[in-house]
Amino acid sequence: MNRNSMARILIIEDDREVRSLLATLLSRKGHEVRQAGDGQEGIHAFRTDPCDLVITDLIMPRKEGLETIIDLRGEFPDLLIIAISGGSRGNRQSYLRTAELCGAARIFSKPFDNQELLAAVDELLAGDTA
């Protein structure tokens, strides 16, 4: 199966506008997109119906992104994850680097460049995880 065409992507993001923007961008590229408003909802959605890739925010209510990444990678070690953060707590870059250490394949600061994010999605789905 070519993971690059019609991938199933789960967006975990508490900001409705960012979530909607990501869903629109990815849907236009032909991906099937599902959405969750926080990590707890996202993990449940993934367990119920796994996807090819997860894009998660880091700072969210109920279950934040680092916990979400750790839990998902613990259960699904090969899962592709992109972490994004606007960083309202502490140093955003250090938080994003921690996400990488926890298993995120790519990291982006908000506001992110739409084309760079889409390129990262394509690279990961094509198997370029370097």
C-alpha atoms as a PDB file:
ATOM      1  CA  MET A   1       0.000   0.000   0.000  1.00  0.00           C
ATOM      2  CA  ASN A   2       1.259   3.456  -0.869  1.00  0.00           C
ATOM      3  CA  ARG A   3       0.822   5.346   2.396  1.00  0.00           C
ATOM      4  CA  ASN A   4       1.170   8.661   0.563  1.00  0.00           C
ATOM      5  CA  SER A   5      -2.192   8.485  -1.201  1.00  0.00           C
ATOM      6  CA  MET A   6      -5.389   8.847   0.789  1.00  0.00           C
ATOM      7  CA  ALA A   7      -3.790   8.517   4.198  1.00  0.00           C
ATOM      8  CA  ARG A   8      -5.919   8.543   7.310  1.00  0.00           C
ATOM      9  CA  ILE A   9      -4.834  11.380   9.593  1.00  0.00           C
ATOM     10  CA  LEU A  10      -5.989  12.219  13.115  1.00  0.00           C
ATOM     11  CA  ILE A  11      -5.687  15.853  14.249  1.00  0.00           C
ATOM     12  CA  ILE A  12      -5.607  16.362  18.031  1.00  0.00           C
ATOM     13  CA  GLU A  13      -5.909  20.099  18.698  1.00  0.00           C
ATOM     14  CA  ASP A  14      -7.971  22.077  21.210  1.00  0.00           C
ATOM     15  CA  ASP A  15      -8.046  25.268  19.105  1.00  0.00           C
ATOM     16  CA  ARG A  16     -11.024  24.856  16.776  1.00  0.00           C
ATOM     17  CA  GLU A  17      -9.643  27.304  14.171  1.00  0.00           C
ATOM     18  CA  VAL A  18      -6.257  25.556  13.937  1.00  0.00           C
ATOM     19  CA  ARG A  19      -7.971  22.150  13.844  1.00  0.00           C
ATOM     20  CA  SER A  20     -10.258  23.317  11.054  1.00  0.00           C
ATOM     21  CA  LEU A  21      -7.357  24.818   9.072  1.00  0.00           C
ATOM     22  CA  LEU A  22      -5.371  21.577   9.316  1.00  0.00           C
ATOM     23  CA  ALA A  23      -8.407  19.479   8.360  1.00  0.00           C
ATOM     24  CA  THR A  24      -9.043  21.662   5.311  1.00  0.00           C
ATOM     25  CA  LEU A  25      -5.391  21.593   4.180  1.00  0.00           C
ATOM     26  CA  LEU A  26      -5.132  17.815   4.537  1.00  0.00           C
ATOM     27  CA  SER A  27      -8.539  17.072   3.007  1.00  0.00           C
ATOM     28  CA  ARG A  28      -7.640  19.134  -0.057  1.00  0.00           C
ATOM     29  CA  LYS A  29      -4.569  16.899  -0.465  1.00  0.00           C
ATOM     30  CA  GLY A  30      -6.878  13.877  -0.570  1.00  0.00           C
ATOM     31  CA  HIS A  31      -6.387  12.617   2.973  1.00  0.00           C
ATOM     32  CA  GLU A  32      -9.157  11.257   5.181  1.00  0.00           C
ATOM     33  CA  VAL A  33      -9.127  13.447   8.284  1.00  0.00           C
ATOM     34  CA  ARG A  34     -10.516  12.820  11.753  1.00  0.00           C
ATOM     35  CA  GLN A  35     -10.443  15.338  14.585  1.00  0.00           C
ATOM     36  CA  ALA A  36     -10.227  15.352  18.375  1.00  0.00           C
ATOM     37  CA  GLY A  37     -10.303  18.304  20.773  1.00  0.00           C
ATOM     38  CA  ASP A  38      -7.764  17.007  23.326  1.00  0.00           C
ATOM     39  CA  GLY A  39      -5.408  14.138  24.023  1.00  0.00           C
ATOM     40  CA  GLN A  40      -7.922  12.036  25.932  1.00  0.00           C
ATOM     41  CA  GLU A  41     -10.425  12.234  23.064  1.00  0.00           C
ATOM     42  CA  GLY A  42      -7.608  11.689  20.536  1.00  0.00           C
ATOM     43  CA  ILE A  43      -6.289   8.516  22.164  1.00  0.00           C
ATOM     44  CA  HIS A  44      -9.816   7.102  22.343  1.00  0.00           C
ATOM     45  CA  ALA A  45     -10.402   7.962  18.662  1.00  0.00           C
ATOM     46  CA  PHE A  46      -7.111   6.336  17.640  1.00  0.00           C
ATOM     47  CA  ARG A  47      -7.753   3.153  19.624  1.00  0.00           C
ATOM     48  CA  THR A  48     -11.229   2.910  18.105  1.00  0.00           C
ATOM     49  CA  ASP A  49     -10.085   3.492  14.529  1.00  0.00           C
ATOM     50  CA  PRO A  50      -6.299   3.740  13.990  1.00  0.00           C
ATOM     51  CA  CYS A  51      -4.823   6.173  11.457  1.00  0.00           C
ATOM     52  CA  ASP A  52      -1.603   6.407   9.441  1.00  0.00           C
ATOM     53  CA  LEU A  53      -0.441   9.635  11.081  1.00  0.00           C
ATOM     54  CA  VAL A  54      -1.313  11.841  14.064  1.00  0.00           C
ATOM     55  CA  ILE A  55      -0.826  15.601  14.288  1.00  0.00           C
ATOM     56  CA  THR A  56      -1.091  16.751  17.885  1.00  0.00           C
ATOM     57  CA  ASP A  57      -0.911  20.050  19.690  1.00  0.00           C
ATOM     58  CA  LEU A  58       1.179  20.005  22.868  1.00  0.00           C
ATOM     59  CA  ILE A  59      -0.688  22.319  25.228  1.00  0.00           C
ATOM     60  CA  MET A  60      -4.284  21.150  25.668  1.00  0.00           C
ATOM     61  CA  PRO A  61      -6.794  20.640  28.481  1.00  0.00           C
ATOM     62  CA  ARG A  62      -7.524  17.219  30.069  1.00  0.00           C
ATOM     63  CA  LYS A  63      -4.556  15.399  28.481  1.00  0.00           C
ATOM     64  CA  GLU A  64      -1.727  17.445  27.029  1.00  0.00           C
ATOM     65  CA  GLY A  65       0.352  16.554  23.993  1.00  0.00           C
ATOM     66  CA  LEU A  66       3.483  15.079  25.583  1.00  0.00           C
ATOM     67  CA  GLU A  67       1.376  12.596  27.565  1.00  0.00           C
ATOM     68  CA  THR A  68      -0.606  11.847  24.424  1.00  0.00           C
ATOM     69  CA  ILE A  69       2.553  11.172  22.392  1.00  0.00           C
ATOM     70  CA  ILE A  70       4.014   8.948  25.125  1.00  0.00           C
ATOM     71  CA  ASP A  71       0.771   6.956  25.458  1.00  0.00           C
ATOM     72  CA  LEU A  72       0.265   6.524  21.708  1.00  0.00           C
ATOM     73  CA  ARG A  73       3.897   5.580  21.045  1.00  0.00           C
ATOM     74  CA  GLY A  74       3.772   3.127  23.966  1.00  0.00           C
ATOM     75  CA  GLU A  75       0.838   1.275  22.410  1.00  0.00           C
ATOM     76  CA  PHE A  76       1.693   1.890  18.743  1.00  0.00           C
ATOM     77  CA  PRO A  77       5.508   2.162  18.486  1.00  0.00           C
ATOM     78  CA  ASP A  78       5.567   2.689  14.703  1.00  0.00           C
ATOM     79  CA  LEU A  79       2.979   5.481  14.718  1.00  0.00           C
ATOM     80  CA  LEU A  80       3.968   8.616  12.791  1.00  0.00           C
ATOM     81  CA  ILE A  81       3.429  11.748  14.897  1.00  0.00           C
ATOM     82  CA  ILE A  82       3.832  15.460  14.138  1.00  0.00           C
ATOM     83  CA  ALA A  83       3.792  17.783  17.171  1.00  0.00           C
ATOM     84  CA  ILE A  84       2.765  21.441  16.943  1.00  0.00           C
ATOM     85  CA  SER A  85       2.800  24.108  19.631  1.00  0.00           C
ATOM     86  CA  GLY A  86       2.126  27.773  20.097  1.00  0.00           C
ATOM     87  CA  GLY A  87       3.828  27.481  23.456  1.00  0.00           C
ATOM     88  CA  SER A  88       2.232  29.522  26.190  1.00  0.00           C
ATOM     89  CA  ARG A  89       4.150  27.704  28.937  1.00  0.00           C
ATOM     90  CA  GLY A  90       7.895  28.155  29.317  1.00  0.00           C
ATOM     91  CA  ASN A  91      10.195  27.811  26.346  1.00  0.00           C
ATOM     92  CA  ARG A  92       8.313  26.615  23.261  1.00  0.00           C
ATOM     93  CA  GLN A  93      11.407  25.200  21.506  1.00  0.00           C
ATOM     94  CA  SER A  94      12.398  23.145  24.535  1.00  0.00           C
ATOM     95  CA  TYR A  95       8.843  21.786  24.769  1.00  0.00           C
ATOM     96  CA  LEU A  96       8.943  20.848  21.067  1.00  0.00           C
ATOM     97  CA  ARG A  97      12.357  19.190  21.480  1.00  0.00           C
ATOM     98  CA  THR A  98      10.912  17.157  24.352  1.00  0.00           C
ATOM     99  CA  ALA A  99       8.105  16.066  22.005  1.00  0.00           C
ATOM    100  CA  GLU A 100      10.785  14.816  19.593  1.00  0.00           C
ATOM    101  CA  LEU A 101      12.450  12.858  22.379  1.00  0.00           C
ATOM    102  CA  CYS A 102       9.057  11.332  23.238  1.00  0.00           C
ATOM    103  CA  GLY A 103       8.576  10.115  19.675  1.00  0.00           C
ATOM    104  CA  ALA A 104       7.344  12.934  17.444  1.00  0.00           C
ATOM    105  CA  ALA A 105       8.898  12.516  13.980  1.00  0.00           C
ATOM    106  CA  ARG A 106       8.491  16.228  13.133  1.00  0.00           C
ATOM    107  CA  ILE A 107       7.859  19.371  15.187  1.00  0.00           C
ATOM    108  CA  PHE A 108       6.377  22.741  14.217  1.00  0.00           C
ATOM    109  CA  SER A 109       5.900  26.028  16.064  1.00  0.00           C
ATOM    110  CA  LYS A 110       2.657  27.925  15.566  1.00  0.00           C
ATOM    111  CA  PRO A 111       2.123  29.738  13.383  1.00  0.00           C
ATOM    112  CA  PHE A 112       3.505  27.076  11.053  1.00  0.00           C
ATOM    113  CA  ASP A 113       4.043  27.330   7.310  1.00  0.00           C
ATOM    114  CA  ASN A 114       1.211  25.364   5.664  1.00  0.00           C
ATOM    115  CA  GLN A 115       3.386  24.115   2.801  1.00  0.00           C
ATOM    116  CA  GLU A 116       6.176  22.997   5.156  1.00  0.00           C
ATOM    117  CA  LEU A 117       3.683  21.062   7.258  1.00  0.00           C
ATOM    118  CA  LEU A 118       2.147  19.412   4.180  1.00  0.00           C
ATOM    119  CA  ALA A 119       5.629  18.526   2.916  1.00  0.00           C
ATOM    120  CA  ALA A 120       6.447  16.900   6.279  1.00  0.00           C
ATOM    121  CA  VAL A 121       3.214  14.874   6.095  1.00  0.00           C
ATOM    122  CA  ASP A 122       4.116  13.696   2.572  1.00  0.00           C
ATOM    123  CA  GLU A 123       7.693  12.809   3.626  1.00  0.00           C
ATOM    124  CA  LEU A 124       6.578  10.802   6.634  1.00  0.00           C
ATOM    125  CA  LEU A 125       3.885   8.950   4.713  1.00  0.00           C
ATOM    126  CA  ALA A 126       6.394   8.151   1.966  1.00  0.00           C
ATOM    127  CA  GLY A 127       8.612   6.537   4.597  1.00  0.00           C
ATOM    128  CA  ASP A 128      11.206   9.308   4.945  1.00  0.00           C
ATOM    129  CA  THR A 129      11.452   9.434   8.735  1.00  0.00           C
ATOM    130  CA  ALA A 130      15.097  10.540   8.836  1.00  0.00           C
END
